[in-house]
């Protein structure tokens, strides 16, 4: 499938899949989307609502590493601990990573080595990136996830249901529900009614919330037994 690096409206880059007319991040702003959906509505909400001692994150779609890198920067800035698992079936190529401009756009040139290490570190092995942040990259299909009660935050950043509807089913969200501890949160950029109903069917309490730039709504799902 033909892929190319494009620049989104906030100046940050993403990868465009021409055959699907799909991107790894919003064309309205990759960094803006990540900050709104995953940091503000996910990470910060979790901290403010449940105040966990340690944050265990499962990312569905590690992709370019943008969400992981911004989360790392937040952990360093605010001094909290994150254990991050990024699941990706088809890793992004090194030559594509080299063209992404997240380090400069986030004014994090002093952390460029960390962003690079996120992509060159071994798969299936825990990598300590700092006292506050460990990363485990897992190369697997999403339907192979079998974690039980391990995480308190999920970044659900799979490709959209238009191109991969099999990733947005009751069966997948049952795996997400099972992977979470009690008093945990899942956030996603998606807002389709079918997605919301699938989440509710497995037991999530689901909220429609204002979306990032260019998108009217997004979803946040909470697990409270």
C-alpha atoms as a PDB file:
ATOM      1  CA  UNK A   1       0.000   0.000   0.000  1.00  0.00           C
ATOM      2  CA  UNK A   2       1.429   3.359  -1.048  1.00  0.00           C
ATOM      3  CA  UNK A   3       2.229   5.668   1.863  1.00  0.00           C
ATOM      4  CA  UNK A   4       3.526   9.207   2.061  1.00  0.00           C
ATOM      5  CA  UNK A   5       4.334  11.776   4.734  1.00  0.00           C
ATOM      6  CA  UNK A   6       1.996  14.776   4.740  1.00  0.00           C
ATOM      7  CA  UNK A   7       1.781  17.940   6.841  1.00  0.00           C
ATOM      8  CA  UNK A   8      -1.408  18.488   8.842  1.00  0.00           C
ATOM      9  CA  UNK A   9      -3.034  21.853   9.544  1.00  0.00           C
ATOM     10  CA  UNK A  10      -1.166  22.486  12.812  1.00  0.00           C
ATOM     11  CA  UNK A  11       2.193  21.975  11.078  1.00  0.00           C
ATOM     12  CA  UNK A  12       2.831  18.481  12.435  1.00  0.00           C
ATOM     13  CA  UNK A  13       3.274  15.534  10.094  1.00  0.00           C
ATOM     14  CA  UNK A  14       1.481  12.225   9.673  1.00  0.00           C
ATOM     15  CA  UNK A  15       1.411   9.260   7.304  1.00  0.00           C
ATOM     16  CA  UNK A  16      -1.197   9.093   4.544  1.00  0.00           C
ATOM     17  CA  UNK A  17      -2.331   5.737   3.117  1.00  0.00           C
ATOM     18  CA  UNK A  18      -3.387   6.567  -0.423  1.00  0.00           C
ATOM     19  CA  UNK A  19      -5.329   3.399  -1.204  1.00  0.00           C
ATOM     20  CA  UNK A  20      -7.563   3.846   1.834  1.00  0.00           C
ATOM     21  CA  UNK A  21      -7.505   7.666   1.838  1.00  0.00           C
ATOM     22  CA  UNK A  22      -6.730   7.298   5.545  1.00  0.00           C
ATOM     23  CA  UNK A  23      -4.178   8.902   7.862  1.00  0.00           C
ATOM     24  CA  UNK A  24      -2.458   7.897  11.081  1.00  0.00           C
ATOM     25  CA  UNK A  25      -3.615  11.198  12.601  1.00  0.00           C
ATOM     26  CA  UNK A  26      -6.131  13.928  11.854  1.00  0.00           C
ATOM     27  CA  UNK A  27      -5.318  16.128   8.869  1.00  0.00           C
ATOM     28  CA  UNK A  28      -6.662  19.031  10.964  1.00  0.00           C
ATOM     29  CA  UNK A  29      -3.664  18.665  13.264  1.00  0.00           C
ATOM     30  CA  UNK A  30      -1.850  15.534  14.431  1.00  0.00           C
ATOM     31  CA  UNK A  31      -0.460  17.049  17.626  1.00  0.00           C
ATOM     32  CA  UNK A  32      -3.685  18.932  18.385  1.00  0.00           C
ATOM     33  CA  UNK A  33      -5.644  15.684  18.090  1.00  0.00           C
ATOM     34  CA  UNK A  34      -3.225  13.766  20.323  1.00  0.00           C
ATOM     35  CA  UNK A  35      -3.277  16.449  23.000  1.00  0.00           C
ATOM     36  CA  UNK A  36      -7.053  16.795  22.994  1.00  0.00           C
ATOM     37  CA  UNK A  37      -8.165  13.151  22.752  1.00  0.00           C
ATOM     38  CA  UNK A  38      -5.457  11.275  24.612  1.00  0.00           C
ATOM     39  CA  UNK A  39      -3.851  13.764  27.000  1.00  0.00           C
ATOM     40  CA  UNK A  40      -6.606  16.183  28.028  1.00  0.00           C
ATOM     41  CA  UNK A  41      -9.620  13.869  27.747  1.00  0.00           C
ATOM     42  CA  UNK A  42      -7.798  10.679  28.719  1.00  0.00           C
ATOM     43  CA  UNK A  43      -4.644  11.054  30.814  1.00  0.00           C
ATOM     44  CA  UNK A  44      -5.514  14.261  32.659  1.00  0.00           C
ATOM     45  CA  UNK A  45      -9.110  13.140  33.222  1.00  0.00           C
ATOM     46  CA  UNK A  46      -7.895   9.842  34.699  1.00  0.00           C
ATOM     47  CA  UNK A  47      -5.550  11.655  37.072  1.00  0.00           C
ATOM     48  CA  UNK A  48      -8.164  14.188  38.139  1.00  0.00           C
ATOM     49  CA  UNK A  49     -10.934  11.605  38.571  1.00  0.00           C
ATOM     50  CA  UNK A  50      -9.244   8.500  39.990  1.00  0.00           C
ATOM     51  CA  UNK A  51      -5.727   9.746  40.909  1.00  0.00           C
ATOM     52  CA  UNK A  52      -3.889   6.433  40.387  1.00  0.00           C
ATOM     53  CA  UNK A  53      -0.471   5.990  41.982  1.00  0.00           C
ATOM     54  CA  UNK A  54       0.930   4.658  38.720  1.00  0.00           C
ATOM     55  CA  UNK A  55      -0.547   4.939  35.247  1.00  0.00           C
ATOM     56  CA  UNK A  56      -0.599   1.800  33.113  1.00  0.00           C
ATOM     57  CA  UNK A  57      -1.422   2.684  29.508  1.00  0.00           C
ATOM     58  CA  UNK A  58      -2.340   0.386  26.624  1.00  0.00           C
ATOM     59  CA  UNK A  59      -2.197   2.063  23.219  1.00  0.00           C
ATOM     60  CA  UNK A  60      -4.099   0.378  20.412  1.00  0.00           C
ATOM     61  CA  UNK A  61      -2.122   1.498  17.378  1.00  0.00           C
ATOM     62  CA  UNK A  62       1.393   2.590  18.429  1.00  0.00           C
ATOM     63  CA  UNK A  63       2.001   3.823  14.880  1.00  0.00           C
ATOM     64  CA  UNK A  64       4.228   6.881  14.669  1.00  0.00           C
ATOM     65  CA  UNK A  65       4.834   7.001  18.430  1.00  0.00           C
ATOM     66  CA  UNK A  66       3.274  10.462  18.732  1.00  0.00           C
ATOM     67  CA  UNK A  67       0.885   9.581  21.573  1.00  0.00           C
ATOM     68  CA  UNK A  68       3.633   7.771  23.470  1.00  0.00           C
ATOM     69  CA  UNK A  69       6.074  10.666  23.039  1.00  0.00           C
ATOM     70  CA  UNK A  70       3.605  13.315  24.219  1.00  0.00           C
ATOM     71  CA  UNK A  71       2.702  11.114  27.198  1.00  0.00           C
ATOM     72  CA  UNK A  72       6.405  10.769  28.011  1.00  0.00           C
ATOM     73  CA  UNK A  73       6.807  14.561  27.918  1.00  0.00           C
ATOM     74  CA  UNK A  74       3.833  14.942  30.272  1.00  0.00           C
ATOM     75  CA  UNK A  75       5.267  12.386  32.705  1.00  0.00           C
ATOM     76  CA  UNK A  76       8.610  14.188  32.753  1.00  0.00           C
ATOM     77  CA  UNK A  77       7.043  17.630  33.130  1.00  0.00           C
ATOM     78  CA  UNK A  78       4.658  16.680  35.937  1.00  0.00           C
ATOM     79  CA  UNK A  79       6.734  13.914  37.556  1.00  0.00           C
ATOM     80  CA  UNK A  80       4.350  10.953  37.494  1.00  0.00           C
ATOM     81  CA  UNK A  81       5.001   7.316  36.615  1.00  0.00           C
ATOM     82  CA  UNK A  82       3.833   5.646  33.405  1.00  0.00           C
ATOM     83  CA  UNK A  83       4.097   2.030  32.279  1.00  0.00           C
ATOM     84  CA  UNK A  84       3.243   2.200  28.570  1.00  0.00           C
ATOM     85  CA  UNK A  85       2.370  -0.705  26.270  1.00  0.00           C
ATOM     86  CA  UNK A  86       2.038   0.125  22.580  1.00  0.00           C
ATOM     87  CA  UNK A  87       0.430  -2.515  20.373  1.00  0.00           C
ATOM     88  CA  UNK A  88       1.156  -2.362  16.637  1.00  0.00           C
ATOM     89  CA  UNK A  89       0.636  -5.087  14.036  1.00  0.00           C
ATOM     90  CA  UNK A  90       2.568  -3.344  11.255  1.00  0.00           C
ATOM     91  CA  UNK A  91       5.414  -1.140  12.542  1.00  0.00           C
ATOM     92  CA  UNK A  92       6.187   2.135  10.799  1.00  0.00           C
ATOM     93  CA  UNK A  93       9.379   2.023   8.720  1.00  0.00           C
ATOM     94  CA  UNK A  94      12.564   3.764   9.957  1.00  0.00           C
ATOM     95  CA  UNK A  95      12.707   5.963   6.843  1.00  0.00           C
ATOM     96  CA  UNK A  96       9.175   7.167   7.611  1.00  0.00           C
ATOM     97  CA  UNK A  97      10.002   7.889  11.255  1.00  0.00           C
ATOM     98  CA  UNK A  98      12.981   9.980  10.111  1.00  0.00           C
ATOM     99  CA  UNK A  99      10.622  12.291   8.199  1.00  0.00           C
ATOM    100  CA  UNK A 100       8.260  13.018  11.112  1.00  0.00           C
ATOM    101  CA  UNK A 101       8.649  16.441  12.715  1.00  0.00           C
ATOM    102  CA  UNK A 102       7.153  15.870  16.173  1.00  0.00           C
ATOM    103  CA  UNK A 103      10.324  16.664  18.090  1.00  0.00           C
ATOM    104  CA  UNK A 104      10.662  20.124  16.528  1.00  0.00           C
ATOM    105  CA  UNK A 105       6.929  20.870  16.563  1.00  0.00           C
ATOM    106  CA  UNK A 106       6.749  20.037  20.268  1.00  0.00           C
ATOM    107  CA  UNK A 107       9.910  22.097  20.910  1.00  0.00           C
ATOM    108  CA  UNK A 108      11.457  19.002  22.474  1.00  0.00           C
ATOM    109  CA  UNK A 109      14.803  18.934  20.696  1.00  0.00           C
ATOM    110  CA  UNK A 110      16.485  17.944  23.971  1.00  0.00           C
ATOM    111  CA  UNK A 111      14.354  14.774  23.933  1.00  0.00           C
ATOM    112  CA  UNK A 112      15.074  13.763  20.326  1.00  0.00           C
ATOM    113  CA  UNK A 113      17.106  10.781  21.516  1.00  0.00           C
ATOM    114  CA  UNK A 114      14.089   9.538  23.495  1.00  0.00           C
ATOM    115  CA  UNK A 115      11.801   9.702  20.452  1.00  0.00           C
ATOM    116  CA  UNK A 116      14.376   7.809  18.428  1.00  0.00           C
ATOM    117  CA  UNK A 117      14.837   5.219  21.169  1.00  0.00           C
ATOM    118  CA  UNK A 118      11.092   4.606  21.219  1.00  0.00           C
ATOM    119  CA  UNK A 119      11.385   3.397  17.641  1.00  0.00           C
ATOM    120  CA  UNK A 120      14.669   1.506  17.727  1.00  0.00           C
ATOM    121  CA  UNK A 121      14.205  -0.311  21.049  1.00  0.00           C
ATOM    122  CA  UNK A 122      13.392  -4.012  20.929  1.00  0.00           C
ATOM    123  CA  UNK A 123       9.854  -5.277  20.522  1.00  0.00           C
ATOM    124  CA  UNK A 124       8.346  -7.445  23.268  1.00  0.00           C
ATOM    125  CA  UNK A 125      10.839  -6.100  25.797  1.00  0.00           C
ATOM    126  CA  UNK A 126      10.391  -3.453  28.506  1.00  0.00           C
ATOM    127  CA  UNK A 127      12.601  -0.424  27.867  1.00  0.00           C
ATOM    128  CA  UNK A 128      13.271   2.111  30.612  1.00  0.00           C
ATOM    129  CA  UNK A 129      13.249   5.573  29.040  1.00  0.00           C
ATOM    130  CA  UNK A 130      13.461   7.508  32.323  1.00  0.00           C
ATOM    131  CA  UNK A 131      12.706   7.145  36.026  1.00  0.00           C
ATOM    132  CA  UNK A 132       9.120   8.058  35.156  1.00  0.00           C
ATOM    133  CA  UNK A 133       8.492   6.113  31.960  1.00  0.00           C
ATOM    134  CA  UNK A 134       8.855   2.543  30.711  1.00  0.00           C
ATOM    135  CA  UNK A 135       7.822   1.403  27.235  1.00  0.00           C
ATOM    136  CA  UNK A 136       6.944  -2.052  25.953  1.00  0.00           C
ATOM    137  CA  UNK A 137       6.191  -2.320  22.239  1.00  0.00           C
ATOM    138  CA  UNK A 138       4.103  -5.340  21.281  1.00  0.00           C
ATOM    139  CA  UNK A 139       3.815  -6.481  17.677  1.00  0.00           C
ATOM    140  CA  UNK A 140       0.471  -8.251  17.532  1.00  0.00           C
ATOM    141  CA  UNK A 141      -2.976  -8.078  16.020  1.00  0.00           C
ATOM    142  CA  UNK A 142      -5.550  -6.411  18.239  1.00  0.00           C
ATOM    143  CA  UNK A 143      -7.702  -9.530  18.401  1.00  0.00           C
ATOM    144  CA  UNK A 144      -4.743 -11.354  19.985  1.00  0.00           C
ATOM    145  CA  UNK A 145      -4.766  -9.155  23.096  1.00  0.00           C
ATOM    146  CA  UNK A 146      -5.468 -11.221  26.226  1.00  0.00           C
ATOM    147  CA  UNK A 147      -4.483  -8.888  29.099  1.00  0.00           C
ATOM    148  CA  UNK A 148      -6.654  -9.076  32.210  1.00  0.00           C
ATOM    149  CA  UNK A 149      -7.022  -6.159  34.651  1.00  0.00           C
ATOM    150  CA  UNK A 150      -3.614  -4.744  33.804  1.00  0.00           C
ATOM    151  CA  UNK A 151      -4.235  -1.166  32.608  1.00  0.00           C
ATOM    152  CA  UNK A 152      -6.072   1.912  33.834  1.00  0.00           C
ATOM    153  CA  UNK A 153      -6.006   3.882  30.579  1.00  0.00           C
ATOM    154  CA  UNK A 154      -6.427   2.831  26.955  1.00  0.00           C
ATOM    155  CA  UNK A 155      -5.643   5.054  23.986  1.00  0.00           C
ATOM    156  CA  UNK A 156      -7.783   3.463  21.269  1.00  0.00           C
ATOM    157  CA  UNK A 157      -6.181   4.866  18.122  1.00  0.00           C
ATOM    158  CA  UNK A 158      -6.867   2.223  15.486  1.00  0.00           C
ATOM    159  CA  UNK A 159      -7.596   3.117  11.872  1.00  0.00           C
ATOM    160  CA  UNK A 160     -11.202   4.201  11.385  1.00  0.00           C
ATOM    161  CA  UNK A 161     -14.196   1.892  11.095  1.00  0.00           C
ATOM    162  CA  UNK A 162     -14.670   2.996   7.485  1.00  0.00           C
ATOM    163  CA  UNK A 163     -11.541   1.085   6.449  1.00  0.00           C
ATOM    164  CA  UNK A 164     -11.151  -1.474   9.268  1.00  0.00           C
ATOM    165  CA  UNK A 165     -14.596  -2.130  10.784  1.00  0.00           C
ATOM    166  CA  UNK A 166     -13.330  -5.365  12.376  1.00  0.00           C
ATOM    167  CA  UNK A 167     -11.329  -3.283  14.879  1.00  0.00           C
ATOM    168  CA  UNK A 168     -14.436  -1.571  16.280  1.00  0.00           C
ATOM    169  CA  UNK A 169     -16.585  -4.542  17.278  1.00  0.00           C
ATOM    170  CA  UNK A 170     -18.117  -5.859  20.485  1.00  0.00           C
ATOM    171  CA  UNK A 171     -15.462  -8.596  20.511  1.00  0.00           C
ATOM    172  CA  UNK A 172     -12.597  -6.072  20.440  1.00  0.00           C
ATOM    173  CA  UNK A 173     -14.139  -3.836  23.077  1.00  0.00           C
ATOM    174  CA  UNK A 174     -14.720  -6.858  25.310  1.00  0.00           C
ATOM    175  CA  UNK A 175     -10.950  -7.392  25.160  1.00  0.00           C
ATOM    176  CA  UNK A 176     -10.422  -3.730  26.057  1.00  0.00           C
ATOM    177  CA  UNK A 177     -12.850  -3.977  28.991  1.00  0.00           C
ATOM    178  CA  UNK A 178     -11.118  -7.118  30.242  1.00  0.00           C
ATOM    179  CA  UNK A 179      -7.688  -5.489  29.976  1.00  0.00           C
ATOM    180  CA  UNK A 180      -8.686  -2.623  32.280  1.00  0.00           C
ATOM    181  CA  UNK A 181      -8.664  -2.424  36.045  1.00  0.00           C
ATOM    182  CA  UNK A 182     -11.660  -1.019  37.892  1.00  0.00           C
ATOM    183  CA  UNK A 183     -11.879   2.799  37.805  1.00  0.00           C
ATOM    184  CA  UNK A 184     -10.255   3.004  34.392  1.00  0.00           C
ATOM    185  CA  UNK A 185     -10.778   4.909  31.149  1.00  0.00           C
ATOM    186  CA  UNK A 186     -10.677   4.319  27.393  1.00  0.00           C
ATOM    187  CA  UNK A 187     -10.565   7.261  24.995  1.00  0.00           C
ATOM    188  CA  UNK A 188     -10.830   7.392  21.219  1.00  0.00           C
ATOM    189  CA  UNK A 189     -11.246   9.966  18.472  1.00  0.00           C
ATOM    190  CA  UNK A 190     -14.195   7.958  17.101  1.00  0.00           C
ATOM    191  CA  UNK A 191     -17.813   8.944  17.698  1.00  0.00           C
ATOM    192  CA  UNK A 192     -19.912   6.580  15.559  1.00  0.00           C
ATOM    193  CA  UNK A 193     -23.102   5.302  17.124  1.00  0.00           C
ATOM    194  CA  UNK A 194     -22.148   1.701  16.370  1.00  0.00           C
ATOM    195  CA  UNK A 195     -18.877   2.162  18.277  1.00  0.00           C
ATOM    196  CA  UNK A 196     -20.640   3.702  21.260  1.00  0.00           C
ATOM    197  CA  UNK A 197     -23.183   0.862  21.351  1.00  0.00           C
ATOM    198  CA  UNK A 198     -20.434  -1.781  21.152  1.00  0.00           C
ATOM    199  CA  UNK A 199     -18.711  -0.171  24.140  1.00  0.00           C
ATOM    200  CA  UNK A 200     -21.933  -0.030  26.124  1.00  0.00           C
ATOM    201  CA  UNK A 201     -22.746  -3.661  25.335  1.00  0.00           C
ATOM    202  CA  UNK A 202     -19.607  -4.887  27.110  1.00  0.00           C
ATOM    203  CA  UNK A 203     -20.238  -2.768  30.196  1.00  0.00           C
ATOM    204  CA  UNK A 204     -18.610   0.605  29.634  1.00  0.00           C
ATOM    205  CA  UNK A 205     -20.240   3.853  30.709  1.00  0.00           C
ATOM    206  CA  UNK A 206     -19.812   5.965  27.564  1.00  0.00           C
ATOM    207  CA  UNK A 207     -19.734   9.756  27.156  1.00  0.00           C
ATOM    208  CA  UNK A 208     -19.918  11.798  23.982  1.00  0.00           C
ATOM    209  CA  UNK A 209     -17.495  14.703  24.336  1.00  0.00           C
ATOM    210  CA  UNK A 210     -16.380  17.600  22.110  1.00  0.00           C
ATOM    211  CA  UNK A 211     -13.857  16.352  19.588  1.00  0.00           C
ATOM    212  CA  UNK A 212     -10.502  17.779  18.509  1.00  0.00           C
ATOM    213  CA  UNK A 213     -10.269  20.448  15.779  1.00  0.00           C
ATOM    214  CA  UNK A 214     -12.162  19.313  12.695  1.00  0.00           C
ATOM    215  CA  UNK A 215     -14.262  16.723  14.545  1.00  0.00           C
ATOM    216  CA  UNK A 216     -17.505  17.455  16.361  1.00  0.00           C
ATOM    217  CA  UNK A 217     -17.432  14.610  18.898  1.00  0.00           C
ATOM    218  CA  UNK A 218     -15.278  11.858  20.400  1.00  0.00           C
ATOM    219  CA  UNK A 219     -15.955   9.072  22.920  1.00  0.00           C
ATOM    220  CA  UNK A 220     -14.727   8.352  26.437  1.00  0.00           C
ATOM    221  CA  UNK A 221     -15.605   5.030  28.063  1.00  0.00           C
ATOM    222  CA  UNK A 222     -15.241   4.350  31.793  1.00  0.00           C
ATOM    223  CA  UNK A 223     -15.058   1.001  33.595  1.00  0.00           C
ATOM    224  CA  UNK A 224     -16.489   1.113  37.106  1.00  0.00           C
ATOM    225  CA  UNK A 225     -17.536  -2.237  38.539  1.00  0.00           C
END
